[in-house]
Amino acid sequence: MPMDVGNLRDFYRTPLGRLVRRELTPAIRARWKNLDGLSVAGAGFSAPYLGTFRLEAARLACLMPARQGAIVWPRMGGCHSVLVGEAQWPLPDNSIDRLLAVHCLEQAERPEPLLREMWRVLKPDGRILVVVPNRRGLWSRLDRTPFGYGLPYSRAQLETQLTDAMFTPSDWGEGLFFPPFRNRFLLRTVPALERFGAAMSIGVAGVIVVEATKEVMAPIGGNLKLSKATATRQTADTAGATGVRRR
């Protein structure tokens, strides 16, 4: 079962949750430095990390799956959160430039249709950034954190799912090298532990972070060169669905 949206929200209000956001946000930002004028969406519970793009993105949506539940986000200003079916999003084909998936893939009932829906809504040059619990890490073994719910991943398993869904992984990384401390004194040691873990690269980080691009090249026969193919999947029925608001 996925973690309830209320529990996810409450976790990110704790000292440990605030520290997780502080450590993972730079890893996301390092890959997406400038999103001026782009359409950006988050899937799963990505709200803690989407805020960094609010002043840049032309359009911003936080897609929260019905199995997990939804909250109003952000607390101030126009609402950008939308309750969606896990693999039925009220977005047109080829409409999103960047898609951030956090607390998403590992908690999905069926990851494959979800990845196909991600592929459908991304533009031909679109990119996704996926953060999933690392199967070898300590965080995935403790259910007192959001990363202890759902299916943890190995790099090989995640790469297979992405390539099967026609994504090309382009950048791999890790995060949360420190144990999920609750003690405030131990939390002060986190910056040093995070730097040490990143330098050692021993493969036991709490999460795997991967950026992938949408693959849209298809052969057209004979000796002709490859040309771009357009998405042909039918857009999900959006009757009665909440639309994405512009900023």
C-alpha atoms as a PDB file:
ATOM      1  CA  MET A   1       0.000   0.000   0.000  1.00  0.00           C
ATOM      2  CA  PRO A   2       1.218   3.516  -0.718  1.00  0.00           C
ATOM      3  CA  MET A   3       1.924   5.894   2.118  1.00  0.00           C
ATOM      4  CA  ASP A   4      -0.973   8.253   2.794  1.00  0.00           C
ATOM      5  CA  VAL A   5      -0.504  11.850   1.640  1.00  0.00           C
ATOM      6  CA  GLY A   6      -1.160  13.100   5.169  1.00  0.00           C
ATOM      7  CA  ASN A   7       1.661  10.978   6.547  1.00  0.00           C
ATOM      8  CA  LEU A   8       3.974  12.184   3.788  1.00  0.00           C
ATOM      9  CA  ARG A   9       3.128  15.802   4.550  1.00  0.00           C
ATOM     10  CA  ASP A  10       3.676  15.251   8.273  1.00  0.00           C
ATOM     11  CA  PHE A  11       7.036  13.552   7.669  1.00  0.00           C
ATOM     12  CA  TYR A  12       8.372  16.564   5.771  1.00  0.00           C
ATOM     13  CA  ARG A  13       7.424  18.773   8.708  1.00  0.00           C
ATOM     14  CA  THR A  14       9.683  16.816  11.087  1.00  0.00           C
ATOM     15  CA  PRO A  15      13.390  17.670  11.579  1.00  0.00           C
ATOM     16  CA  LEU A  16      14.339  14.507   9.669  1.00  0.00           C
ATOM     17  CA  GLY A  17      11.956  15.319   6.813  1.00  0.00           C
ATOM     18  CA  ARG A  18      13.243  18.881   6.528  1.00  0.00           C
ATOM     19  CA  LEU A  19      16.772  17.500   6.386  1.00  0.00           C
ATOM     20  CA  VAL A  20      15.830  15.039   3.637  1.00  0.00           C
ATOM     21  CA  ARG A  21      14.404  17.898   1.577  1.00  0.00           C
ATOM     22  CA  ARG A  22      17.491  20.012   2.208  1.00  0.00           C
ATOM     23  CA  GLU A  23      19.810  17.219   1.032  1.00  0.00           C
ATOM     24  CA  LEU A  24      17.835  16.079  -2.021  1.00  0.00           C
ATOM     25  CA  THR A  25      16.847  19.468  -3.416  1.00  0.00           C
ATOM     26  CA  PRO A  26      20.434  20.365  -4.475  1.00  0.00           C
ATOM     27  CA  ALA A  27      20.727  16.987  -6.230  1.00  0.00           C
ATOM     28  CA  ILE A  28      17.605  17.833  -8.237  1.00  0.00           C
ATOM     29  CA  ARG A  29      18.712  21.400  -8.866  1.00  0.00           C
ATOM     30  CA  ALA A  30      22.142  20.290 -10.062  1.00  0.00           C
ATOM     31  CA  ARG A  31      20.482  18.471 -12.962  1.00  0.00           C
ATOM     32  CA  TRP A  32      17.846  21.084 -13.756  1.00  0.00           C
ATOM     33  CA  LYS A  33      19.590  24.422 -13.321  1.00  0.00           C
ATOM     34  CA  ASN A  34      17.351  26.632 -15.439  1.00  0.00           C
ATOM     35  CA  LEU A  35      13.717  25.910 -16.263  1.00  0.00           C
ATOM     36  CA  ASP A  36      12.706  29.405 -17.390  1.00  0.00           C
ATOM     37  CA  GLY A  37       9.567  29.251 -19.503  1.00  0.00           C
ATOM     38  CA  LEU A  38       9.189  25.455 -19.312  1.00  0.00           C
ATOM     39  CA  SER A  39       6.199  23.324 -18.324  1.00  0.00           C
ATOM     40  CA  VAL A  40       7.068  21.322 -15.206  1.00  0.00           C
ATOM     41  CA  ALA A  41       5.092  18.605 -13.432  1.00  0.00           C
ATOM     42  CA  GLY A  42       5.679  16.480 -10.378  1.00  0.00           C
ATOM     43  CA  ALA A  43       4.278  12.989  -9.848  1.00  0.00           C
ATOM     44  CA  GLY A  44       3.684  11.126  -6.596  1.00  0.00           C
ATOM     45  CA  PHE A  45       4.449  13.364  -3.632  1.00  0.00           C
ATOM     46  CA  SER A  46       6.910  15.781  -5.200  1.00  0.00           C
ATOM     47  CA  ALA A  47       5.545  18.946  -3.597  1.00  0.00           C
ATOM     48  CA  PRO A  48       8.479  19.389  -1.159  1.00  0.00           C
ATOM     49  CA  TYR A  49      10.831  19.660  -4.138  1.00  0.00           C
ATOM     50  CA  LEU A  50       8.720  21.488  -6.721  1.00  0.00           C
ATOM     51  CA  GLY A  51       8.781  24.766  -4.838  1.00  0.00           C
ATOM     52  CA  THR A  52      12.292  25.493  -6.058  1.00  0.00           C
ATOM     53  CA  PHE A  53      10.898  25.900  -9.606  1.00  0.00           C
ATOM     54  CA  ARG A  54       7.909  28.137  -8.829  1.00  0.00           C
ATOM     55  CA  LEU A  55       9.594  31.355  -9.932  1.00  0.00           C
ATOM     56  CA  GLU A  56      10.874  29.852 -13.193  1.00  0.00           C
ATOM     57  CA  ALA A  57       8.369  27.448 -14.690  1.00  0.00           C
ATOM     58  CA  ALA A  58       5.749  28.832 -17.038  1.00  0.00           C
ATOM     59  CA  ARG A  59       3.371  26.105 -15.904  1.00  0.00           C
ATOM     60  CA  LEU A  60       3.627  23.969 -12.791  1.00  0.00           C
ATOM     61  CA  ALA A  61       1.494  20.986 -11.751  1.00  0.00           C
ATOM     62  CA  CYS A  62       1.710  18.580  -8.830  1.00  0.00           C
ATOM     63  CA  LEU A  63       0.007  15.320  -9.881  1.00  0.00           C
ATOM     64  CA  MET A  64      -1.055  13.340  -6.801  1.00  0.00           C
ATOM     65  CA  PRO A  65      -2.317   9.762  -7.341  1.00  0.00           C
ATOM     66  CA  ALA A  66      -5.753   8.863  -6.017  1.00  0.00           C
ATOM     67  CA  ARG A  67      -4.430   5.825  -4.109  1.00  0.00           C
ATOM     68  CA  GLN A  68      -2.189   8.157  -2.118  1.00  0.00           C
ATOM     69  CA  GLY A  69      -4.552  11.109  -1.798  1.00  0.00           C
ATOM     70  CA  ALA A  70      -4.069  14.813  -2.438  1.00  0.00           C
ATOM     71  CA  ILE A  71      -3.557  18.024  -0.515  1.00  0.00           C
ATOM     72  CA  VAL A  72      -3.728  21.645  -1.594  1.00  0.00           C
ATOM     73  CA  TRP A  73      -0.309  22.803  -2.765  1.00  0.00           C
ATOM     74  CA  PRO A  74       1.108  25.332  -2.290  1.00  0.00           C
ATOM     75  CA  ARG A  75      -0.467  26.685   0.874  1.00  0.00           C
ATOM     76  CA  MET A  76      -0.355  30.251  -0.451  1.00  0.00           C
ATOM     77  CA  GLY A  77      -1.437  31.464  -3.884  1.00  0.00           C
ATOM     78  CA  GLY A  78      -3.077  29.476  -6.647  1.00  0.00           C
ATOM     79  CA  CYS A  79      -3.494  25.729  -6.219  1.00  0.00           C
ATOM     80  CA  HIS A  80      -1.229  23.606  -8.455  1.00  0.00           C
ATOM     81  CA  SER A  81      -2.100  20.163  -7.070  1.00  0.00           C
ATOM     82  CA  VAL A  82      -4.326  17.787  -9.060  1.00  0.00           C
ATOM     83  CA  LEU A  83      -5.810  14.452  -7.963  1.00  0.00           C
ATOM     84  CA  VAL A  84      -5.228  11.982 -10.813  1.00  0.00           C
ATOM     85  CA  GLY A  85      -5.598   8.333 -11.674  1.00  0.00           C
ATOM     86  CA  GLU A  86      -2.302   6.516 -11.360  1.00  0.00           C
ATOM     87  CA  ALA A  87      -1.924   6.097 -15.119  1.00  0.00           C
ATOM     88  CA  GLN A  88      -4.565   8.540 -16.375  1.00  0.00           C
ATOM     89  CA  TRP A  89      -3.437  12.138 -16.241  1.00  0.00           C
ATOM     90  CA  PRO A  90      -5.540  15.104 -17.449  1.00  0.00           C
ATOM     91  CA  LEU A  91      -2.730  16.356 -19.673  1.00  0.00           C
ATOM     92  CA  PRO A  92      -2.401  16.410 -23.478  1.00  0.00           C
ATOM     93  CA  ASP A  93       0.228  14.406 -25.333  1.00  0.00           C
ATOM     94  CA  ASN A  94       3.645  16.062 -25.567  1.00  0.00           C
ATOM     95  CA  SER A  95       2.783  18.826 -23.102  1.00  0.00           C
ATOM     96  CA  ILE A  96       5.430  18.631 -20.349  1.00  0.00           C
ATOM     97  CA  ASP A  97       9.117  19.620 -20.569  1.00  0.00           C
ATOM     98  CA  ARG A  98      10.282  18.242 -17.206  1.00  0.00           C
ATOM     99  CA  LEU A  99       8.705  15.633 -14.940  1.00  0.00           C
ATOM    100  CA  LEU A 100       9.876  14.977 -11.385  1.00  0.00           C
ATOM    101  CA  ALA A 101       8.791  11.669  -9.773  1.00  0.00           C
ATOM    102  CA  VAL A 102       9.306  11.334  -6.001  1.00  0.00           C
ATOM    103  CA  HIS A 103       7.432   8.860  -3.748  1.00  0.00           C
ATOM    104  CA  CYS A 104       5.895   7.710  -6.992  1.00  0.00           C
ATOM    105  CA  LEU A 105       7.282   4.750  -8.908  1.00  0.00           C
ATOM    106  CA  GLU A 106       7.991   2.533  -5.892  1.00  0.00           C
ATOM    107  CA  GLN A 107       4.461   3.054  -4.553  1.00  0.00           C
ATOM    108  CA  ALA A 108       2.651   2.480  -7.844  1.00  0.00           C
ATOM    109  CA  GLU A 109       0.292  -0.451  -8.155  1.00  0.00           C
ATOM    110  CA  ARG A 110       1.588  -1.065 -11.687  1.00  0.00           C
ATOM    111  CA  PRO A 111       4.786   0.823 -12.616  1.00  0.00           C
ATOM    112  CA  GLU A 112       4.711  -0.031 -16.323  1.00  0.00           C
ATOM    113  CA  PRO A 113       1.452   1.798 -17.246  1.00  0.00           C
ATOM    114  CA  LEU A 114       2.583   4.714 -15.092  1.00  0.00           C
ATOM    115  CA  LEU A 115       5.859   5.004 -17.004  1.00  0.00           C
ATOM    116  CA  ARG A 116       3.969   4.845 -20.298  1.00  0.00           C
ATOM    117  CA  GLU A 117       1.776   7.718 -19.123  1.00  0.00           C
ATOM    118  CA  MET A 118       4.907   9.693 -18.256  1.00  0.00           C
ATOM    119  CA  TRP A 119       6.223   9.029 -21.757  1.00  0.00           C
ATOM    120  CA  ARG A 120       2.920  10.152 -23.308  1.00  0.00           C
ATOM    121  CA  VAL A 121       2.784  13.577 -21.647  1.00  0.00           C
ATOM    122  CA  LEU A 122       6.462  14.439 -22.106  1.00  0.00           C
ATOM    123  CA  LYS A 123       7.543  16.483 -25.101  1.00  0.00           C
ATOM    124  CA  PRO A 124       9.920  14.821 -27.602  1.00  0.00           C
ATOM    125  CA  ASP A 125      12.907  16.449 -25.877  1.00  0.00           C
ATOM    126  CA  GLY A 126      11.405  16.089 -22.396  1.00  0.00           C
ATOM    127  CA  ARG A 127      13.200  14.681 -19.380  1.00  0.00           C
ATOM    128  CA  ILE A 128      12.170  12.861 -16.244  1.00  0.00           C
ATOM    129  CA  LEU A 129      13.974  12.789 -12.922  1.00  0.00           C
ATOM    130  CA  VAL A 130      13.132   9.783 -10.767  1.00  0.00           C
ATOM    131  CA  VAL A 131      13.965   9.352  -7.078  1.00  0.00           C
ATOM    132  CA  VAL A 132      13.359   5.847  -5.684  1.00  0.00           C
ATOM    133  CA  PRO A 133      14.426   3.966  -2.529  1.00  0.00           C
ATOM    134  CA  ASN A 134      17.649   2.002  -2.954  1.00  0.00           C
ATOM    135  CA  ARG A 135      17.169  -1.701  -2.253  1.00  0.00           C
ATOM    136  CA  ARG A 136      20.634  -1.888  -0.694  1.00  0.00           C
ATOM    137  CA  GLY A 137      20.112   1.132   1.536  1.00  0.00           C
ATOM    138  CA  LEU A 138      18.999   1.314   5.154  1.00  0.00           C
ATOM    139  CA  TRP A 139      16.122   3.703   4.455  1.00  0.00           C
ATOM    140  CA  SER A 140      14.131   1.133   2.466  1.00  0.00           C
ATOM    141  CA  ARG A 141      14.193  -1.283   5.416  1.00  0.00           C
ATOM    142  CA  LEU A 142      12.608   1.054   7.954  1.00  0.00           C
ATOM    143  CA  ASP A 143       8.895   1.787   7.677  1.00  0.00           C
ATOM    144  CA  ARG A 144       9.157   4.882   9.838  1.00  0.00           C
ATOM    145  CA  THR A 145      10.177   6.882   6.764  1.00  0.00           C
ATOM    146  CA  PRO A 146       8.363   7.310   3.413  1.00  0.00           C
ATOM    147  CA  PHE A 147      11.199   5.465   1.683  1.00  0.00           C
ATOM    148  CA  GLY A 148      10.335   2.313   3.637  1.00  0.00           C
ATOM    149  CA  TYR A 149       7.034   1.856   1.801  1.00  0.00           C
ATOM    150  CA  GLY A 150       6.489   0.272  -1.574  1.00  0.00           C
ATOM    151  CA  LEU A 151       9.008  -1.537  -3.759  1.00  0.00           C
ATOM    152  CA  PRO A 152      12.678  -0.539  -3.367  1.00  0.00           C
ATOM    153  CA  TYR A 153      14.801  -0.630  -6.508  1.00  0.00           C
ATOM    154  CA  SER A 154      18.183  -1.759  -7.673  1.00  0.00           C
ATOM    155  CA  ARG A 155      19.842   0.248 -10.420  1.00  0.00           C
ATOM    156  CA  ALA A 156      19.507  -2.652 -12.864  1.00  0.00           C
ATOM    157  CA  GLN A 157      15.784  -3.042 -12.183  1.00  0.00           C
ATOM    158  CA  LEU A 158      15.129   0.677 -12.587  1.00  0.00           C
ATOM    159  CA  GLU A 159      17.160   0.854 -15.793  1.00  0.00           C
ATOM    160  CA  THR A 160      15.190  -2.063 -17.263  1.00  0.00           C
ATOM    161  CA  GLN A 161      11.836  -0.444 -16.499  1.00  0.00           C
ATOM    162  CA  LEU A 162      12.911   2.886 -17.961  1.00  0.00           C
ATOM    163  CA  THR A 163      14.317   1.447 -21.181  1.00  0.00           C
ATOM    164  CA  ASP A 164      11.253  -0.789 -21.656  1.00  0.00           C
ATOM    165  CA  ALA A 165       9.119   2.363 -21.414  1.00  0.00           C
ATOM    166  CA  MET A 166      11.269   4.077 -24.080  1.00  0.00           C
ATOM    167  CA  PHE A 167      13.359   6.271 -21.813  1.00  0.00           C
ATOM    168  CA  THR A 168      17.120   6.595 -22.072  1.00  0.00           C
ATOM    169  CA  PRO A 169      18.859   7.018 -18.695  1.00  0.00           C
ATOM    170  CA  SER A 170      21.448   9.778 -19.016  1.00  0.00           C
ATOM    171  CA  ASP A 171      22.628  10.497 -15.476  1.00  0.00           C
ATOM    172  CA  TRP A 172      22.774   8.347 -12.346  1.00  0.00           C
ATOM    173  CA  GLY A 173      23.327   9.440  -8.771  1.00  0.00           C
ATOM    174  CA  GLU A 174      22.547   8.618  -5.150  1.00  0.00           C
ATOM    175  CA  GLY A 175      21.458  10.478  -2.050  1.00  0.00           C
ATOM    176  CA  LEU A 176      20.734  10.132   1.658  1.00  0.00           C
ATOM    177  CA  PHE A 177      23.961   8.449   2.713  1.00  0.00           C
ATOM    178  CA  PHE A 178      23.206   9.094   6.381  1.00  0.00           C
ATOM    179  CA  PRO A 179      20.996   6.773   8.469  1.00  0.00           C
ATOM    180  CA  PRO A 180      17.465   8.017   9.241  1.00  0.00           C
ATOM    181  CA  PHE A 181      18.299   9.490  12.627  1.00  0.00           C
ATOM    182  CA  ARG A 182      15.556  10.845  14.861  1.00  0.00           C
ATOM    183  CA  ASN A 183      17.855  12.264  17.511  1.00  0.00           C
ATOM    184  CA  ARG A 184      18.432  15.994  17.023  1.00  0.00           C
ATOM    185  CA  PHE A 185      22.064  15.745  18.147  1.00  0.00           C
ATOM    186  CA  LEU A 186      22.840  13.016  15.604  1.00  0.00           C
ATOM    187  CA  LEU A 187      21.112  14.999  12.878  1.00  0.00           C
ATOM    188  CA  ARG A 188      23.853  17.597  13.236  1.00  0.00           C
ATOM    189  CA  THR A 189      26.343  15.058  11.865  1.00  0.00           C
ATOM    190  CA  VAL A 190      24.393  14.604   8.623  1.00  0.00           C
ATOM    191  CA  PRO A 191      26.303  17.108   6.399  1.00  0.00           C
ATOM    192  CA  ALA A 192      29.605  15.383   7.199  1.00  0.00           C
ATOM    193  CA  LEU A 193      28.139  11.907   6.664  1.00  0.00           C
ATOM    194  CA  GLU A 194      26.571  12.974   3.374  1.00  0.00           C
ATOM    195  CA  ARG A 195      29.874  14.334   2.059  1.00  0.00           C
ATOM    196  CA  PHE A 196      31.710  11.189   3.174  1.00  0.00           C
ATOM    197  CA  GLY A 197      29.157   8.846   1.596  1.00  0.00           C
ATOM    198  CA  ALA A 198      29.153  10.731  -1.693  1.00  0.00           C
ATOM    199  CA  ALA A 199      32.949  10.630  -1.847  1.00  0.00           C
ATOM    200  CA  MET A 200      33.145   6.912  -1.027  1.00  0.00           C
ATOM    201  CA  SER A 201      30.311   5.899  -3.404  1.00  0.00           C
ATOM    202  CA  ILE A 202      29.789   2.541  -1.698  1.00  0.00           C
ATOM    203  CA  GLY A 203      26.321   1.884  -3.140  1.00  0.00           C
ATOM    204  CA  VAL A 204      24.308   1.863   0.084  1.00  0.00           C
ATOM    205  CA  ALA A 205      22.688   5.300  -0.158  1.00  0.00           C
ATOM    206  CA  GLY A 206      19.048   5.685   0.785  1.00  0.00           C
ATOM    207  CA  VAL A 207      17.820   6.645  -2.689  1.00  0.00           C
ATOM    208  CA  ILE A 208      18.750   6.286  -6.341  1.00  0.00           C
ATOM    209  CA  VAL A 209      18.408   9.393  -8.489  1.00  0.00           C
ATOM    210  CA  VAL A 210      18.260   9.012 -12.265  1.00  0.00           C
ATOM    211  CA  GLU A 211      17.559  11.451 -15.071  1.00  0.00           C
ATOM    212  CA  ALA A 212      16.260  10.026 -18.347  1.00  0.00           C
ATOM    213  CA  THR A 213      15.217  11.440 -21.713  1.00  0.00           C
ATOM    214  CA  LYS A 214      12.203  10.469 -23.764  1.00  0.00           C
ATOM    215  CA  GLU A 215      13.139   8.198 -26.664  1.00  0.00           C
ATOM    216  CA  VAL A 216      11.207   9.155 -29.803  1.00  0.00           C
ATOM    217  CA  MET A 217      13.376   7.799 -32.592  1.00  0.00           C
ATOM    218  CA  ALA A 218      11.848   5.122 -34.795  1.00  0.00           C
ATOM    219  CA  PRO A 219      13.001   3.454 -38.049  1.00  0.00           C
ATOM    220  CA  ILE A 220      10.917   4.254 -41.140  1.00  0.00           C
ATOM    221  CA  GLY A 221      12.170   1.461 -43.382  1.00  0.00           C
ATOM    222  CA  GLY A 222      14.878   0.745 -45.938  1.00  0.00           C
ATOM    223  CA  ASN A 223      18.145   2.610 -45.620  1.00  0.00           C
ATOM    224  CA  LEU A 224      16.456   5.863 -44.709  1.00  0.00           C
ATOM    225  CA  LYS A 225      17.606   7.746 -41.661  1.00  0.00           C
ATOM    226  CA  LEU A 226      15.745   7.594 -38.390  1.00  0.00           C
ATOM    227  CA  SER A 227      13.131  10.258 -37.886  1.00  0.00           C
ATOM    228  CA  LYS A 228      11.186  11.494 -34.895  1.00  0.00           C
ATOM    229  CA  ALA A 229       7.954   9.720 -34.131  1.00  0.00           C
ATOM    230  CA  THR A 230       5.025  11.427 -32.464  1.00  0.00           C
ATOM    231  CA  ALA A 231       3.083  10.083 -29.512  1.00  0.00           C
ATOM    232  CA  THR A 232      -0.097   8.345 -30.685  1.00  0.00           C
ATOM    233  CA  ARG A 233      -1.556   7.119 -27.410  1.00  0.00           C
ATOM    234  CA  GLN A 234      -5.031   8.406 -26.671  1.00  0.00           C
ATOM    235  CA  THR A 235      -5.177  11.206 -24.107  1.00  0.00           C
ATOM    236  CA  ALA A 236      -6.888  10.204 -20.879  1.00  0.00           C
ATOM    237  CA  ASP A 237     -10.527  11.198 -20.500  1.00  0.00           C
ATOM    238  CA  THR A 238     -10.416  14.462 -18.641  1.00  0.00           C
ATOM    239  CA  ALA A 239     -14.144  14.925 -18.172  1.00  0.00           C
ATOM    240  CA  GLY A 240     -14.683  16.157 -14.656  1.00  0.00           C
ATOM    241  CA  ALA A 241     -10.969  16.333 -13.882  1.00  0.00           C
ATOM    242  CA  THR A 242      -9.396  19.354 -12.316  1.00  0.00           C
ATOM    243  CA  GLY A 243      -7.317  21.343 -14.769  1.00  0.00           C
ATOM    244  CA  VAL A 244      -3.789  22.533 -14.216  1.00  0.00           C
ATOM    245  CA  ARG A 245      -3.707  26.192 -13.324  1.00  0.00           C
ATOM    246  CA  ARG A 246      -1.262  28.668 -14.725  1.00  0.00           C
ATOM    247  CA  ARG A 247       0.797  30.692 -12.294  1.00  0.00           C
END
